[in-house]
Amino acid sequence: MNIYALGVPYTIIIDDYLPFKQDGSHLFANIGYDQALWGPLAEKAIAKYVGNYWHMDVGQNFDAVAFLNGGPSYYLEHWKSNQ
C-alpha cells in the first residue's frame, strides 16, 4: 500500500491479519457494511508507518486523508461555539 508523509510516497507492505478482542470484535477500525477491508488495512499500514497502533492515539480524519492521497489537508471550522 502506498501512503504519503509530507508529500513523499512510501510503500508499506502489510499482511491481512487484524487485531481482534477476545469476544471476536475488531479492536480498532471495523470492516465496512459491505464487508470492505480497505479501512482496517489502511489503518494497519499507517500504524506500521508510525510504529504501532498505540502511536495513532491522536489524530483527525483529515490527517488520514493526507496520508492516503499525498495532498495537503485543511480543517475549516464552519461555526463557532458559544462556550
N, C-alpha and C. Protein backbone atom coordinates (compact mmCIF):
# COMPACT_ATOMS: atom_id res chain seq x y z
N MET A 1 0.85 -1.16 0.00
CA MET A 1 0.00 0.00 0.00
C MET A 1 0.90 1.23 0.00
N ASN A 2 0.55 2.23 -0.78
CA ASN A 2 1.29 3.48 -0.79
C ASN A 2 0.60 4.48 0.11
N ILE A 3 1.39 5.09 0.99
CA ILE A 3 0.91 6.21 1.79
C ILE A 3 1.87 7.36 1.58
N TYR A 4 1.48 8.54 1.99
CA TYR A 4 2.29 9.73 1.79
C TYR A 4 2.52 10.42 3.12
N ALA A 5 3.77 10.82 3.35
CA ALA A 5 4.11 11.59 4.54
C ALA A 5 4.85 12.83 4.06
N LEU A 6 4.27 13.99 4.31
CA LEU A 6 4.80 15.26 3.84
C LEU A 6 4.97 15.27 2.34
N GLY A 7 4.04 14.63 1.63
CA GLY A 7 4.05 14.61 0.17
C GLY A 7 4.98 13.58 -0.44
N VAL A 8 5.71 12.83 0.36
CA VAL A 8 6.65 11.82 -0.14
C VAL A 8 5.98 10.45 -0.05
N PRO A 9 5.93 9.70 -1.18
CA PRO A 9 5.29 8.39 -1.14
C PRO A 9 6.16 7.35 -0.46
N TYR A 10 5.53 6.51 0.34
CA TYR A 10 6.17 5.38 1.00
C TYR A 10 5.35 4.14 0.69
N THR A 11 6.02 3.06 0.34
CA THR A 11 5.35 1.79 0.13
C THR A 11 5.45 0.99 1.41
N ILE A 12 4.32 0.64 1.97
CA ILE A 12 4.25 -0.14 3.20
C ILE A 12 3.70 -1.51 2.84
N ILE A 13 4.40 -2.55 3.24
CA ILE A 13 3.94 -3.91 3.00
C ILE A 13 3.33 -4.44 4.29
N ILE A 14 2.07 -4.87 4.20
CA ILE A 14 1.36 -5.38 5.37
C ILE A 14 0.78 -6.75 5.04
N ASP A 15 0.43 -7.49 6.08
CA ASP A 15 -0.29 -8.74 5.88
C ASP A 15 -1.77 -8.48 6.16
N ASP A 16 -2.57 -9.52 6.08
CA ASP A 16 -4.01 -9.32 6.26
C ASP A 16 -4.50 -9.73 7.64
N TYR A 17 -3.61 -9.82 8.61
CA TYR A 17 -4.01 -10.12 9.98
C TYR A 17 -4.44 -8.84 10.68
N LEU A 18 -5.59 -8.88 11.32
CA LEU A 18 -6.12 -7.71 12.01
C LEU A 18 -6.27 -8.01 13.50
N PRO A 19 -6.09 -7.00 14.36
CA PRO A 19 -6.24 -7.23 15.80
C PRO A 19 -7.71 -7.36 16.20
N PHE A 20 -8.00 -8.36 17.01
CA PHE A 20 -9.35 -8.60 17.50
C PHE A 20 -9.34 -8.64 19.02
N LYS A 21 -10.50 -8.36 19.60
CA LYS A 21 -10.70 -8.54 21.03
C LYS A 21 -11.01 -10.01 21.29
N GLN A 22 -11.04 -10.40 22.55
CA GLN A 22 -11.35 -11.79 22.88
C GLN A 22 -12.77 -12.19 22.51
N ASP A 23 -13.68 -11.20 22.44
CA ASP A 23 -15.06 -11.53 22.07
C ASP A 23 -15.26 -11.62 20.56
N GLY A 24 -14.20 -11.42 19.76
CA GLY A 24 -14.29 -11.56 18.31
C GLY A 24 -14.53 -10.27 17.57
N SER A 25 -14.74 -9.16 18.27
CA SER A 25 -14.94 -7.88 17.60
C SER A 25 -13.59 -7.25 17.29
N HIS A 26 -13.60 -6.33 16.35
CA HIS A 26 -12.36 -5.68 15.95
C HIS A 26 -11.89 -4.70 17.02
N LEU A 27 -10.59 -4.64 17.18
CA LEU A 27 -10.03 -3.77 18.21
C LEU A 27 -10.00 -2.31 17.76
N PHE A 28 -9.79 -2.06 16.49
CA PHE A 28 -9.69 -0.68 16.00
C PHE A 28 -10.73 -0.46 14.91
N ALA A 29 -10.32 -0.17 13.69
CA ALA A 29 -11.27 0.10 12.61
C ALA A 29 -12.09 -1.14 12.30
N ASN A 30 -13.35 -0.93 11.98
CA ASN A 30 -14.24 -2.04 11.67
C ASN A 30 -14.32 -2.30 10.18
N ILE A 31 -14.71 -3.51 9.83
CA ILE A 31 -14.97 -3.86 8.44
C ILE A 31 -16.22 -3.10 8.00
N GLY A 32 -16.25 -2.66 6.74
CA GLY A 32 -17.37 -1.89 6.23
C GLY A 32 -18.66 -2.69 6.17
N TYR A 33 -19.77 -2.00 6.02
CA TYR A 33 -21.07 -2.66 5.94
C TYR A 33 -21.14 -3.63 4.76
N ASP A 34 -20.39 -3.33 3.69
CA ASP A 34 -20.36 -4.20 2.52
C ASP A 34 -19.19 -5.19 2.58
N GLN A 35 -18.66 -5.43 3.79
CA GLN A 35 -17.55 -6.35 4.06
C GLN A 35 -16.23 -5.85 3.47
N ALA A 36 -16.11 -4.56 3.21
CA ALA A 36 -14.88 -3.98 2.67
C ALA A 36 -13.80 -3.96 3.74
N LEU A 37 -12.61 -4.32 3.36
CA LEU A 37 -11.48 -4.37 4.30
C LEU A 37 -10.49 -3.23 4.13
N TRP A 38 -10.75 -2.31 3.20
CA TRP A 38 -9.74 -1.30 2.93
C TRP A 38 -9.52 -0.38 4.13
N GLY A 39 -10.54 -0.10 4.93
CA GLY A 39 -10.40 0.77 6.09
C GLY A 39 -9.44 0.20 7.14
N PRO A 40 -9.70 -1.03 7.61
CA PRO A 40 -8.77 -1.61 8.59
C PRO A 40 -7.37 -1.85 8.04
N LEU A 41 -7.26 -2.18 6.75
CA LEU A 41 -5.93 -2.41 6.18
C LEU A 41 -5.17 -1.10 6.00
N ALA A 42 -5.88 -0.03 5.63
CA ALA A 42 -5.23 1.28 5.54
C ALA A 42 -4.78 1.73 6.92
N GLU A 43 -5.61 1.50 7.93
CA GLU A 43 -5.23 1.84 9.29
C GLU A 43 -4.00 1.06 9.73
N LYS A 44 -3.93 -0.21 9.34
CA LYS A 44 -2.77 -1.03 9.70
C LYS A 44 -1.51 -0.51 9.03
N ALA A 45 -1.61 -0.07 7.78
CA ALA A 45 -0.44 0.47 7.08
C ALA A 45 0.06 1.74 7.76
N ILE A 46 -0.84 2.61 8.16
CA ILE A 46 -0.45 3.84 8.84
C ILE A 46 0.14 3.52 10.21
N ALA A 47 -0.43 2.53 10.91
CA ALA A 47 0.11 2.12 12.20
C ALA A 47 1.53 1.58 12.04
N LYS A 48 1.77 0.85 10.98
CA LYS A 48 3.12 0.33 10.74
C LYS A 48 4.09 1.48 10.44
N TYR A 49 3.61 2.48 9.72
CA TYR A 49 4.47 3.63 9.41
C TYR A 49 4.86 4.41 10.67
N VAL A 50 3.90 4.64 11.56
CA VAL A 50 4.18 5.44 12.76
C VAL A 50 4.77 4.61 13.90
N GLY A 51 4.81 3.30 13.77
CA GLY A 51 5.43 2.46 14.80
C GLY A 51 4.52 1.35 15.28
N ASN A 52 3.31 1.68 15.69
CA ASN A 52 2.33 0.69 16.12
C ASN A 52 0.98 1.38 16.30
N TYR A 53 -0.04 0.60 16.63
CA TYR A 53 -1.38 1.16 16.79
C TYR A 53 -1.45 2.19 17.92
N TRP A 54 -0.70 1.99 18.97
CA TRP A 54 -0.79 2.89 20.13
C TRP A 54 -0.24 4.27 19.81
N HIS A 55 0.65 4.39 18.84
CA HIS A 55 1.15 5.70 18.44
C HIS A 55 0.14 6.47 17.61
N MET A 56 -0.94 5.83 17.20
CA MET A 56 -2.01 6.50 16.45
C MET A 56 -3.11 6.99 17.37
N ASP A 57 -2.82 7.17 18.63
CA ASP A 57 -3.83 7.51 19.63
C ASP A 57 -4.53 8.83 19.34
N VAL A 58 -3.86 9.76 18.72
CA VAL A 58 -4.43 11.09 18.47
C VAL A 58 -4.39 11.36 16.97
N GLY A 59 -5.43 12.00 16.45
CA GLY A 59 -5.45 12.36 15.04
C GLY A 59 -6.85 12.76 14.62
N GLN A 60 -6.90 13.32 13.45
CA GLN A 60 -8.17 13.74 12.87
C GLN A 60 -8.36 13.04 11.53
N ASN A 61 -9.58 13.05 11.03
CA ASN A 61 -9.87 12.42 9.74
C ASN A 61 -9.06 13.04 8.61
N PHE A 62 -8.85 14.34 8.66
CA PHE A 62 -8.12 14.98 7.57
C PHE A 62 -6.65 14.58 7.56
N ASP A 63 -6.10 14.15 8.68
CA ASP A 63 -4.74 13.61 8.69
C ASP A 63 -4.68 12.31 7.89
N ALA A 64 -5.68 11.47 8.04
CA ALA A 64 -5.72 10.20 7.31
C ALA A 64 -5.86 10.44 5.81
N VAL A 65 -6.65 11.43 5.42
CA VAL A 65 -6.81 11.74 4.00
C VAL A 65 -5.48 12.16 3.40
N ALA A 66 -4.70 12.95 4.12
CA ALA A 66 -3.39 13.37 3.63
C ALA A 66 -2.44 12.17 3.50
N PHE A 67 -2.53 11.21 4.42
CA PHE A 67 -1.71 10.00 4.32
C PHE A 67 -2.06 9.20 3.06
N LEU A 68 -3.33 9.19 2.67
CA LEU A 68 -3.76 8.36 1.56
C LEU A 68 -3.58 9.02 0.20
N ASN A 69 -3.72 10.33 0.10
CA ASN A 69 -3.65 10.94 -1.23
C ASN A 69 -2.44 11.85 -1.44
N GLY A 70 -1.68 12.15 -0.42
CA GLY A 70 -0.47 12.92 -0.58
C GLY A 70 -0.66 14.42 -0.65
N GLY A 71 -1.88 14.87 -0.68
CA GLY A 71 -2.14 16.30 -0.77
C GLY A 71 -2.23 16.94 0.59
N PRO A 72 -2.18 18.26 0.62
CA PRO A 72 -2.33 18.93 1.91
C PRO A 72 -3.77 18.82 2.41
N SER A 73 -3.94 18.91 3.70
CA SER A 73 -5.28 18.85 4.26
C SER A 73 -5.49 20.07 5.15
N TYR A 74 -6.72 20.52 5.20
CA TYR A 74 -7.07 21.71 5.97
C TYR A 74 -8.29 21.42 6.82
N TYR A 75 -8.35 22.06 7.95
CA TYR A 75 -9.52 21.96 8.81
C TYR A 75 -10.22 23.31 8.77
N LEU A 76 -11.47 23.31 8.33
CA LEU A 76 -12.26 24.53 8.28
C LEU A 76 -13.36 24.43 9.32
N GLU A 77 -13.40 25.36 10.23
CA GLU A 77 -14.46 25.37 11.24
C GLU A 77 -15.61 26.20 10.68
N HIS A 78 -16.77 25.55 10.56
CA HIS A 78 -17.92 26.21 9.93
C HIS A 78 -18.76 27.00 10.92
N TRP A 79 -18.53 26.82 12.18
CA TRP A 79 -19.27 27.57 13.19
C TRP A 79 -18.42 27.71 14.43
N LYS A 80 -18.76 28.67 15.22
CA LYS A 80 -18.09 28.89 16.48
C LYS A 80 -19.02 28.51 17.61
N SER A 81 -18.52 27.83 18.61
CA SER A 81 -19.35 27.51 19.75
C SER A 81 -19.44 28.73 20.65
N ASN A 82 -20.50 28.83 21.41
CA ASN A 82 -20.71 29.97 22.28
C ASN A 82 -20.04 29.80 23.64
N GLN A 83 -19.31 28.74 23.83
CA GLN A 83 -18.70 28.46 25.13
C GLN A 83 -17.33 29.06 25.23
